[in-house]
C-alpha atoms as a PDB file:
ATOM      1  CA  MET A   1      -0.067   0.026  -0.002  1.00  0.00           C
ATOM      2  CA  LYS A   2       1.165   3.492  -0.767  1.00  0.00           C
ATOM      3  CA  TYR A   3       0.020   6.395   1.667  1.00  0.00           C
ATOM      4  CA  ARG A   4       0.518  10.005   2.325  1.00  0.00           C
ATOM      5  CA  VAL A   5       0.301  11.058   5.751  1.00  0.00           C
ATOM      6  CA  THR A   6      -0.269  14.573   6.859  1.00  0.00           C
ATOM      7  CA  HIS A   7       0.070  15.379  10.553  1.00  0.00           C
ATOM      8  CA  THR A   8      -0.477  18.753  11.561  1.00  0.00           C
ATOM      9  CA  THR A   9      -0.068  20.124  15.300  1.00  0.00           C
ATOM     10  CA  ALA A  10      -1.134  23.689  15.945  1.00  0.00           C
ATOM     11  CA  TYR A  11      -0.732  25.747  19.125  1.00  0.00           C
ATOM     12  CA  ALA A  12      -2.481  29.168  19.533  1.00  0.00           C
ATOM     13  CA  TYR A  13      -1.298  31.168  22.383  1.00  0.00           C
ATOM     14  CA  SER A  14      -3.373  33.725  24.404  1.00  0.00           C
ATOM     15  CA  ILE A  15      -0.266  36.214  24.434  1.00  0.00           C
ATOM     16  CA  PRO A  16       2.744  36.119  22.209  1.00  0.00           C
ATOM     17  CA  ALA A  17       5.258  33.411  23.125  1.00  0.00           C
ATOM     18  CA  SER A  18       8.799  34.938  23.142  1.00  0.00           C
ATOM     19  CA  LEU A  19      10.638  31.451  22.681  1.00  0.00           C
ATOM     20  CA  SER A  20       9.492  27.891  22.013  1.00  0.00           C
ATOM     21  CA  GLN A  21      11.816  24.885  21.695  1.00  0.00           C
ATOM     22  CA  ASN A  22      10.423  21.562  20.662  1.00  0.00           C
ATOM     23  CA  GLU A  23      11.520  18.009  19.611  1.00  0.00           C
ATOM     24  CA  VAL A  24       9.139  16.049  17.425  1.00  0.00           C
ATOM     25  CA  PHE A  25       9.248  12.442  16.239  1.00  0.00           C
ATOM     26  CA  LEU A  26       6.930  12.652  13.085  1.00  0.00           C
ATOM     27  CA  THR A  27       9.021  10.926  10.356  1.00  0.00           C
ATOM     28  CA  PRO A  28       8.108   7.492   9.641  1.00  0.00           C
ATOM     29  CA  ARG A  29      10.959   4.897   9.667  1.00  0.00           C
ATOM     30  CA  ASN A  30      12.151   2.350   7.154  1.00  0.00           C
ATOM     31  CA  THR A  31      11.289  -1.059   8.387  1.00  0.00           C
ATOM     32  CA  PRO A  32      11.417  -4.608   6.723  1.00  0.00           C
ATOM     33  CA  ASN A  33       7.694  -4.060   5.593  1.00  0.00           C
ATOM     34  CA  GLN A  34       7.824  -0.184   5.245  1.00  0.00           C
ATOM     35  CA  ASN A  35       9.888   2.001   2.835  1.00  0.00           C
ATOM     36  CA  VAL A  36       9.723   5.880   3.331  1.00  0.00           C
ATOM     37  CA  LEU A  37       9.513   7.424  -0.221  1.00  0.00           C
ATOM     38  CA  SER A  38       9.525  11.031   1.101  1.00  0.00           C
ATOM     39  CA  SER A  39       9.170  13.142   4.282  1.00  0.00           C
ATOM     40  CA  GLU A  40       9.269  16.735   5.096  1.00  0.00           C
ATOM     41  CA  LEU A  41       8.633  18.969   7.912  1.00  0.00           C
ATOM     42  CA  ARG A  42       6.890  22.529   7.631  1.00  0.00           C
ATOM     43  CA  ILE A  43       7.072  24.914  10.492  1.00  0.00           C
ATOM     44  CA  VAL A  44       5.387  28.294  10.790  1.00  0.00           C
ATOM     45  CA  PRO A  45       6.947  30.622  11.979  1.00  0.00           C
ATOM     46  CA  THR A  46      10.263  29.474  10.413  1.00  0.00           C
ATOM     47  CA  PRO A  47      12.565  28.452  13.305  1.00  0.00           C
ATOM     48  CA  GLN A  48      15.826  30.103  13.852  1.00  0.00           C
ATOM     49  CA  TYR A  49      17.348  26.718  14.649  1.00  0.00           C
ATOM     50  CA  MET A  50      16.585  23.202  13.553  1.00  0.00           C
ATOM     51  CA  HIS A  51      18.455  19.891  13.800  1.00  0.00           C
ATOM     52  CA  ARG A  52      17.752  16.402  12.607  1.00  0.00           C
ATOM     53  CA  ARG A  53      18.830  13.550  14.567  1.00  0.00           C
ATOM     54  CA  VAL A  54      18.607   9.821  14.838  1.00  0.00           C
ATOM     55  CA  ASP A  55      18.066   8.712  18.394  1.00  0.00           C
ATOM     56  CA  TYR A  56      19.403   5.746  20.285  1.00  0.00           C
ATOM     57  CA  PHE A  57      16.496   3.431  19.018  1.00  0.00           C
ATOM     58  CA  GLY A  58      16.923   4.577  15.462  1.00  0.00           C
ATOM     59  CA  ASN A  59      14.055   6.976  15.242  1.00  0.00           C
ATOM     60  CA  THR A  60      14.235  10.254  13.317  1.00  0.00           C
ATOM     61  CA  GLY A  61      13.725  13.344  15.412  1.00  0.00           C
ATOM     62  CA  HIS A  62      13.773  17.084  14.818  1.00  0.00           C
ATOM     63  CA  LEU A  63      14.768  19.715  17.353  1.00  0.00           C
ATOM     64  CA  PHE A  64      13.941  23.270  16.697  1.00  0.00           C
ATOM     65  CA  MET A  65      13.539  26.725  18.288  1.00  0.00           C
ATOM     66  CA  VAL A  66      11.446  29.724  17.381  1.00  0.00           C
ATOM     67  CA  GLN A  67      13.280  32.535  19.118  1.00  0.00           C
ATOM     68  CA  HIS A  68      11.055  35.561  18.255  1.00  0.00           C
ATOM     69  CA  PRO A  69       7.536  36.515  19.493  1.00  0.00           C
ATOM     70  CA  HIS A  70       4.879  34.464  17.926  1.00  0.00           C
ATOM     71  CA  GLU A  71       1.084  33.938  18.747  1.00  0.00           C
ATOM     72  CA  ASN A  72       0.777  30.602  16.838  1.00  0.00           C
ATOM     73  CA  LEU A  73       2.999  27.623  16.184  1.00  0.00           C
ATOM     74  CA  ARG A  74       2.189  25.042  13.455  1.00  0.00           C
ATOM     75  CA  ILE A  75       4.032  21.947  12.844  1.00  0.00           C
ATOM     76  CA  THR A  76       3.143  19.887   9.855  1.00  0.00           C
ATOM     77  CA  ALA A  77       4.700  16.641   8.651  1.00  0.00           C
ATOM     78  CA  ILE A  78       4.079  15.284   5.214  1.00  0.00           C
ATOM     79  CA  SER A  79       5.125  11.698   4.370  1.00  0.00           C
ATOM     80  CA  GLN A  80       4.750   9.092   1.526  1.00  0.00           C
ATOM     81  CA  VAL A  81       5.232   5.381   2.466  1.00  0.00           C
ATOM     82  CA  ASP A  82       5.116   2.062   0.850  1.00  0.00           C
ATOM     83  CA  THR A  83       3.833  -0.595   3.197  1.00  0.00           C
ATOM     84  CA  SER A  84       3.736  -4.422   2.731  1.00  0.00           C
ATOM     85  CA  PRO A  85       2.427  -7.284   4.983  1.00  0.00           C
ATOM     86  CA  LEU A  86       4.757  -9.321   7.229  1.00  0.00           C
ATOM     87  CA  PRO A  87       4.290 -12.949   7.570  1.00  0.00           C
ATOM     88  CA  LEU A  88       3.478 -14.104  11.013  1.00  0.00           C
ATOM     89  CA  PRO A  89       5.180 -17.225  12.400  1.00  0.00           C
ATOM     90  CA  GLU A  90       2.847 -20.135  13.325  1.00  0.00           C
ATOM     91  CA  LYS A  91       1.799 -19.727  16.950  1.00  0.00           C
ATOM     92  CA  GLN A  92       2.465 -23.237  17.826  1.00  0.00           C
ATOM     93  CA  LYS A  93       5.989 -23.180  16.456  1.00  0.00           C
ATOM     94  CA  THR A  94       7.202 -20.206  18.641  1.00  0.00           C
ATOM     95  CA  LEU A  95       9.135 -21.058  21.843  1.00  0.00           C
ATOM     96  CA  PRO A  96       7.148 -21.612  25.211  1.00  0.00           C
ATOM     97  CA  TRP A  97       7.222 -18.204  26.889  1.00  0.00           C
ATOM     98  CA  GLU A  98       9.459 -19.401  29.786  1.00  0.00           C
ATOM     99  CA  GLN A  99      12.158 -20.432  27.334  1.00  0.00           C
ATOM    100  CA  VAL A 100      11.989 -17.018  25.929  1.00  0.00           C
ATOM    101  CA  VAL A 101      12.464 -15.513  29.222  1.00  0.00           C
ATOM    102  CA  GLU A 102      15.595 -17.703  29.899  1.00  0.00           C
ATOM    103  CA  ARG A 103      17.035 -17.134  26.517  1.00  0.00           C
ATOM    104  CA  LEU A 104      16.735 -13.204  26.713  1.00  0.00           C
ATOM    105  CA  HIS A 105      18.833 -13.298  29.971  1.00  0.00           C
ATOM    106  CA  THR A 106      21.557 -15.750  28.973  1.00  0.00           C
ATOM    107  CA  SER A 107      21.782 -15.535  25.266  1.00  0.00           C
ATOM    108  CA  ALA A 108      24.992 -13.889  23.605  1.00  0.00           C
ATOM    109  CA  LEU A 109      23.337 -13.440  20.197  1.00  0.00           C
ATOM    110  CA  GLU A 110      23.307  -9.773  19.324  1.00  0.00           C
ATOM    111  CA  GLN A 111      19.495  -9.748  18.419  1.00  0.00           C
ATOM    112  CA  ASP A 112      18.628 -11.310  21.793  1.00  0.00           C
ATOM    113  CA  VAL A 113      20.772  -8.940  23.690  1.00  0.00           C
ATOM    114  CA  MET A 114      19.302  -5.938  21.985  1.00  0.00           C
ATOM    115  CA  ALA A 115      15.722  -7.150  22.796  1.00  0.00           C
ATOM    116  CA  CYS A 116      16.659  -7.812  26.353  1.00  0.00           C
ATOM    117  CA  GLN A 117      16.703  -3.933  27.082  1.00  0.00           C
ATOM    118  CA  TYR A 118      12.951  -3.936  26.519  1.00  0.00           C
ATOM    119  CA  CYS A 119      12.296  -6.381  29.499  1.00  0.00           C
ATOM    120  CA  PHE A 120      12.792  -3.891  32.216  1.00  0.00           C
ATOM    121  CA  ALA A 121      10.781  -0.850  33.879  1.00  0.00           C
ATOM    122  CA  SER A 122      10.842   2.367  31.968  1.00  0.00           C
ATOM    123  CA  PRO A 123       9.580   5.860  32.860  1.00  0.00           C
ATOM    124  CA  MET A 124       6.000   5.002  32.011  1.00  0.00           C
ATOM    125  CA  ILE A 125       6.063   1.201  32.679  1.00  0.00           C
ATOM    126  CA  GLN A 126       6.283  -0.093  36.325  1.00  0.00           C
ATOM    127  CA  LEU A 127       6.368  -3.842  36.778  1.00  0.00           C
ATOM    128  CA  GLN A 128       3.713  -4.055  39.370  1.00  0.00           C
ATOM    129  CA  ASP A 129       1.821  -7.183  41.028  1.00  0.00           C
ATOM    130  CA  ASP A 130      -1.552  -6.033  39.874  1.00  0.00           C
ATOM    131  CA  VAL A 131      -0.512  -6.281  36.314  1.00  0.00           C
ATOM    132  CA  PHE A 132       1.343  -9.319  36.796  1.00  0.00           C
ATOM    133  CA  GLN A 133      -1.829 -10.874  38.193  1.00  0.00           C
ATOM    134  CA  TYR A 134      -3.924  -9.726  35.378  1.00  0.00           C
ATOM    135  CA  ALA A 135      -1.348 -11.175  32.858  1.00  0.00           C
ATOM    136  CA  ALA A 136      -0.924 -14.474  34.532  1.00  0.00           C
ATOM    137  CA  ARG A 137      -3.994 -16.169  32.947  1.00  0.00           C
ATOM    138  CA  SER A 138      -2.282 -15.888  29.534  1.00  0.00           C
ATOM    139  CA  PHE A 139       1.092 -17.257  30.739  1.00  0.00           C
ATOM    140  CA  VAL A 140       0.178 -20.762  31.723  1.00  0.00           C
ATOM    141  CA  PRO A 141       3.326 -23.012  31.556  1.00  0.00           C
ATOM    142  CA  GLY A 142       4.309 -24.148  28.170  1.00  0.00           C
ATOM    143  CA  VAL A 143       2.231 -21.734  26.174  1.00  0.00           C
ATOM    144  CA  PRO A 144       3.964 -20.593  23.129  1.00  0.00           C
ATOM    145  CA  ILE A 145       5.021 -16.878  23.184  1.00  0.00           C
ATOM    146  CA  LEU A 146       3.055 -15.703  20.322  1.00  0.00           C
ATOM    147  CA  GLU A 147      -0.017 -17.270  21.568  1.00  0.00           C
ATOM    148  CA  ALA A 148       0.288 -15.756  24.941  1.00  0.00           C
ATOM    149  CA  ALA A 149       0.977 -12.261  23.452  1.00  0.00           C
ATOM    150  CA  LEU A 150      -1.988 -12.644  21.098  1.00  0.00           C
ATOM    151  CA  ASP A 151      -4.112 -13.645  24.110  1.00  0.00           C
ATOM    152  CA  ILE A 152      -3.053 -10.564  26.017  1.00  0.00           C
ATOM    153  CA  MET A 153      -3.991  -8.405  23.034  1.00  0.00           C
ATOM    154  CA  GLN A 154      -7.400  -9.970  22.717  1.00  0.00           C
ATOM    155  CA  ARG A 155      -8.048  -9.733  26.370  1.00  0.00           C
ATOM    156  CA  ILE A 156      -7.273  -5.894  26.561  1.00  0.00           C
ATOM    157  CA  TYR A 157      -9.544  -5.553  23.695  1.00  0.00           C
ATOM    158  CA  ALA A 158     -12.473  -7.376  25.447  1.00  0.00           C
ATOM    159  CA  ASP A 159     -11.897  -6.204  29.015  1.00  0.00           C
ATOM    160  CA  PHE A 160     -11.320  -2.363  28.452  1.00  0.00           C
ATOM    161  CA  GLU A 161     -13.439   0.484  27.183  1.00  0.00           C
ATOM    162  CA  TYR A 162     -11.992   2.856  24.419  1.00  0.00           C
ATOM    163  CA  ASP A 163     -12.621   6.331  26.347  1.00  0.00           C
ATOM    164  CA  LYS A 164     -10.797   9.353  25.066  1.00  0.00           C
ATOM    165  CA  ASP A 165     -11.841  11.326  28.180  1.00  0.00           C
ATOM    166  CA  ALA A 166     -10.754   8.490  30.610  1.00  0.00           C
ATOM    167  CA  SER A 167      -6.960   9.288  30.821  1.00  0.00           C
ATOM    168  CA  THR A 168      -4.148  11.724  30.169  1.00  0.00           C
ATOM    169  CA  VAL A 169      -0.594  11.177  28.843  1.00  0.00           C
ATOM    170  CA  ASP A 170       0.517  10.791  32.427  1.00  0.00           C
ATOM    171  CA  THR A 171      -2.092   8.246  33.417  1.00  0.00           C
ATOM    172  CA  SER A 172      -0.419   5.216  34.951  1.00  0.00           C
ATOM    173  CA  VAL A 173      -0.919   1.421  33.897  1.00  0.00           C
ATOM    174  CA  SER A 174      -2.344   0.720  37.347  1.00  0.00           C
ATOM    175  CA  GLU A 175      -4.978   3.319  36.969  1.00  0.00           C
ATOM    176  CA  VAL A 176      -5.816   2.078  33.493  1.00  0.00           C
ATOM    177  CA  LEU A 177      -6.186  -1.366  35.006  1.00  0.00           C
ATOM    178  CA  GLY A 178      -8.304  -0.227  37.816  1.00  0.00           C
ATOM    179  CA  HIS A 179     -10.635   2.137  35.625  1.00  0.00           C
ATOM    180  CA  ARG A 180     -10.770  -0.357  32.801  1.00  0.00           C
ATOM    181  CA  LYS A 181     -10.914   2.452  30.297  1.00  0.00           C
ATOM    182  CA  GLY A 182      -8.455   4.395  28.206  1.00  0.00           C
ATOM    183  CA  VAL A 183      -7.061   5.134  24.762  1.00  0.00           C
ATOM    184  CA  CYS A 184      -4.517   3.284  22.454  1.00  0.00           C
ATOM    185  CA  GLN A 185      -1.375   4.544  24.442  1.00  0.00           C
ATOM    186  CA  ASP A 186      -2.796   3.169  27.627  1.00  0.00           C
ATOM    187  CA  PHE A 187      -3.685  -0.113  26.046  1.00  0.00           C
ATOM    188  CA  ALA A 188      -0.150  -0.241  24.590  1.00  0.00           C
ATOM    189  CA  HIS A 189       1.394   0.440  27.885  1.00  0.00           C
ATOM    190  CA  LEU A 190      -0.739  -2.169  29.696  1.00  0.00           C
ATOM    191  CA  GLY A 191       0.200  -4.801  27.007  1.00  0.00           C
ATOM    192  CA  ILE A 192       3.908  -4.045  27.531  1.00  0.00           C
ATOM    193  CA  SER A 193       3.555  -4.055  31.298  1.00  0.00           C
ATOM    194  CA  CYS A 194       1.945  -7.435  31.097  1.00  0.00           C
ATOM    195  CA  LEU A 195       4.732  -8.930  28.843  1.00  0.00           C
ATOM    196  CA  ARG A 196       7.440  -7.347  30.882  1.00  0.00           C
ATOM    197  CA  SER A 197       6.097  -8.431  34.142  1.00  0.00           C
ATOM    198  CA  HIS A 198       6.814 -11.898  33.084  1.00  0.00           C
ATOM    199  CA  GLY A 199      10.249 -11.237  32.089  1.00  0.00           C
ATOM    200  CA  LEU A 200       9.678 -10.841  28.151  1.00  0.00           C
ATOM    201  CA  ALA A 201      10.737  -8.009  25.892  1.00  0.00           C
ATOM    202  CA  ALA A 202       8.076  -5.549  24.727  1.00  0.00           C
ATOM    203  CA  ARG A 203       8.252  -2.014  23.103  1.00  0.00           C
ATOM    204  CA  TYR A 204       6.029   0.852  22.441  1.00  0.00           C
ATOM    205  CA  VAL A 205       5.317   1.649  18.730  1.00  0.00           C
ATOM    206  CA  SER A 206       3.774   5.031  17.393  1.00  0.00           C
ATOM    207  CA  GLY A 207       2.364   5.323  14.070  1.00  0.00           C
ATOM    208  CA  TYR A 208      -0.973   5.731  12.209  1.00  0.00           C
ATOM    209  CA  LEU A 209      -3.958   3.776  10.716  1.00  0.00           C
ATOM    210  CA  GLU A 210      -5.439   4.347   7.457  1.00  0.00           C
ATOM    211  CA  THR A 211      -8.238   6.748   7.752  1.00  0.00           C
ATOM    212  CA  ILE A 212     -10.577   5.226   5.249  1.00  0.00           C
ATOM    213  CA  PRO A 213     -11.848   1.706   6.047  1.00  0.00           C
ATOM    214  CA  PRO A 214     -12.347  -1.069   3.663  1.00  0.00           C
ATOM    215  CA  GLN A 215     -15.494  -1.155   1.686  1.00  0.00           C
ATOM    216  CA  GLY A 216     -18.342  -2.433   3.899  1.00  0.00           C
ATOM    217  CA  GLN A 217     -16.282  -2.453   7.081  1.00  0.00           C
ATOM    218  CA  PRO A 218     -16.554  -0.078  10.092  1.00  0.00           C
ATOM    219  CA  LYS A 219     -13.862   2.650  10.700  1.00  0.00           C
ATOM    220  CA  LEU A 220     -11.193   1.528  12.979  1.00  0.00           C
ATOM    221  CA  VAL A 221     -10.598   3.229  16.212  1.00  0.00           C
ATOM    222  CA  GLY A 222      -7.483   5.385  16.083  1.00  0.00           C
ATOM    223  CA  ALA A 223      -8.157   6.573  12.542  1.00  0.00           C
ATOM    224  CA  ASP A 224      -7.628  10.287  11.849  1.00  0.00           C
ATOM    225  CA  ALA A 225      -5.065  10.402  14.971  1.00  0.00           C
ATOM    226  CA  SER A 226      -1.887   9.206  15.978  1.00  0.00           C
ATOM    227  CA  HIS A 227      -2.021   5.633  16.983  1.00  0.00           C
ATOM    228  CA  ALA A 228       0.027   3.335  19.279  1.00  0.00           C
ATOM    229  CA  TRP A 229       0.429  -0.319  19.653  1.00  0.00           C
ATOM    230  CA  PHE A 230       3.129  -2.746  21.291  1.00  0.00           C
ATOM    231  CA  ALA A 231       5.294  -5.186  19.843  1.00  0.00           C
ATOM    232  CA  VAL A 232       6.726  -8.363  21.312  1.00  0.00           C
ATOM    233  CA  TYR A 233      10.131  -9.967  20.592  1.00  0.00           C
ATOM    234  CA  ILE A 234       9.986 -13.529  19.198  1.00  0.00           C
ATOM    235  CA  PRO A 235      13.446 -15.338  19.109  1.00  0.00           C
ATOM    236  CA  ASP A 236      14.447 -16.706  15.714  1.00  0.00           C
ATOM    237  CA  HIS A 237      11.891 -14.511  14.009  1.00  0.00           C
ATOM    238  CA  GLY A 238      11.938 -10.864  15.383  1.00  0.00           C
ATOM    239  CA  TRP A 239       9.382  -8.334  16.483  1.00  0.00           C
ATOM    240  CA  VAL A 240       5.684  -9.051  16.120  1.00  0.00           C
ATOM    241  CA  ASP A 241       3.263  -5.981  16.472  1.00  0.00           C
ATOM    242  CA  CYS A 242       0.013  -6.318  18.409  1.00  0.00           C
ATOM    243  CA  ASP A 243      -2.738  -3.699  18.422  1.00  0.00           C
ATOM    244  CA  PRO A 244      -4.973  -4.204  21.588  1.00  0.00           C
ATOM    245  CA  THR A 245      -7.178  -1.279  20.634  1.00  0.00           C
ATOM    246  CA  ASN A 246      -8.518  -2.817  17.674  1.00  0.00           C
ATOM    247  CA  ASN A 247      -7.560  -6.553  18.320  1.00  0.00           C
ATOM    248  CA  MET A 248      -5.432  -6.941  15.288  1.00  0.00           C
ATOM    249  CA  VAL A 249      -1.944  -7.672  14.248  1.00  0.00           C
ATOM    250  CA  PRO A 250      -0.753  -4.592  12.301  1.00  0.00           C
ATOM    251  CA  ASN A 251      -0.766  -5.154   8.764  1.00  0.00           C
ATOM    252  CA  ASP A 252      -0.042  -2.909   5.618  1.00  0.00           C
ATOM    253  CA  THR A 253      -2.720  -0.430   6.536  1.00  0.00           C
ATOM    254  CA  TYR A 254      -0.532   0.788   9.333  1.00  0.00           C
ATOM    255  CA  VAL A 255       2.287   3.217   9.217  1.00  0.00           C
ATOM    256  CA  THR A 256       4.975   3.005  11.717  1.00  0.00           C
ATOM    257  CA  VAL A 257       6.707   6.181  12.944  1.00  0.00           C
ATOM    258  CA  ALA A 258       8.908   5.247  15.765  1.00  0.00           C
ATOM    259  CA  TRP A 259       9.279   3.034  18.740  1.00  0.00           C
ATOM    260  CA  GLY A 260      10.990   2.952  22.151  1.00  0.00           C
ATOM    261  CA  ARG A 261      10.544   1.730  25.773  1.00  0.00           C
ATOM    262  CA  ASP A 262       7.317   3.684  26.138  1.00  0.00           C
ATOM    263  CA  TYR A 263       5.360   6.827  25.069  1.00  0.00           C
ATOM    264  CA  SER A 264       8.003   9.115  26.733  1.00  0.00           C
ATOM    265  CA  ASP A 265      10.739   7.962  24.299  1.00  0.00           C
ATOM    266  CA  VAL A 266       8.621   8.826  21.158  1.00  0.00           C
ATOM    267  CA  ALA A 267       6.069  11.613  21.920  1.00  0.00           C
ATOM    268  CA  PRO A 268       4.915  13.033  18.665  1.00  0.00           C
ATOM    269  CA  ALA A 269       5.744  16.499  20.023  1.00  0.00           C
ATOM    270  CA  LYS A 270       7.151  17.924  23.192  1.00  0.00           C
ATOM    271  CA  GLY A 271       8.829  21.115  24.360  1.00  0.00           C
ATOM    272  CA  VAL A 272       8.867  24.269  26.358  1.00  0.00           C
ATOM    273  CA  VAL A 273       7.665  27.672  25.691  1.00  0.00           C
ATOM    274  CA  THR A 274       8.394  31.096  27.446  1.00  0.00           C
ATOM    275  CA  GLY A 275       5.262  33.350  27.936  1.00  0.00           C
ATOM    276  CA  GLY A 276       2.431  32.485  25.591  1.00  0.00           C
ATOM    277  CA  GLY A 277      -0.075  32.475  28.470  1.00  0.00           C
ATOM    278  CA  VAL A 278      -2.449  29.754  27.995  1.00  0.00           C
ATOM    279  CA  HIS A 279      -2.606  27.864  24.629  1.00  0.00           C
ATOM    280  CA  ASP A 280      -5.113  25.765  22.655  1.00  0.00           C
ATOM    281  CA  LEU A 281      -3.759  22.665  20.872  1.00  0.00           C
ATOM    282  CA  THR A 282      -5.310  21.039  17.821  1.00  0.00           C
ATOM    283  CA  VAL A 283      -3.980  18.151  16.101  1.00  0.00           C
ATOM    284  CA  GLN A 284      -5.197  16.777  12.751  1.00  0.00           C
ATOM    285  CA  VAL A 285      -3.897  13.566  10.842  1.00  0.00           C
ATOM    286  CA  ASP A 286      -4.908  12.381   7.556  1.00  0.00           C
ATOM    287  CA  VAL A 287      -3.651   9.053   6.161  1.00  0.00           C
ATOM    288  CA  ALA A 288      -4.668   8.770   2.495  1.00  0.00           C
ATOM    289  CA  ARG A 289      -4.265   5.802   0.305  1.00  0.00           C
ATOM    290  CA  LEU A 290      -2.450   6.666  -3.007  1.00  0.00           C
ATOM    291  CA  LEU A 291      -3.630   4.966  -6.228  1.00  0.00           C
END
């Protein structure tokens, strides 16, 4: 599939801001099933300083600073990508999850060692007993790792209500577990916490869904907005994405932007502003299929 993704973030300040400094992760990344054909970033007013960097996880970020008074700030990322489906391993042929845990913590293979860093707590993922207990039903002895991960994905989809007013970017996993409500970020964090609490490697993935659903099917939750899901590491195969918001293994209708330990590593936009008073924030995303 070929897509044109337009992501616009706009701030309107009640009084002029004298300076704003931001970092954005809005550039899709090349992956085994995704090729970035083009990508550009448009910022109004024009920054006095902008720097492109590749972070530790391989994501492309842009740092910029507007150093003169401004009442509005508009950040637009426009990208074209070509996606293709990735084959899934057969569930029953993946290793039992206990063997995966042992391998992650003893293997000298580079891919296993690199995955192991996603086994631990991170700024927004705490390994807590309530999450361990919730996940335990999926981790009976001898269950293949992919079967357990897909079961976690399906259970979160069934047990939790999508409610955009139920949480903020700072809501903890325990709060989501208690309220049984949240958004894609919350469900991704919960899935990651379930897997890590049992010693497995899981990472946070940010991206988009196609905005126009297939003919005759309902629109997927998360369309026309940034989306998030989690990925689990499967030894001898690699990373497998799981979207608990929609109970789907992401396919070629998904566009991957960035991944990290949790949302704090790959927030689409974050920064500081001097002055500005109060501000209104609007975000618009359009994912259009190209013929």
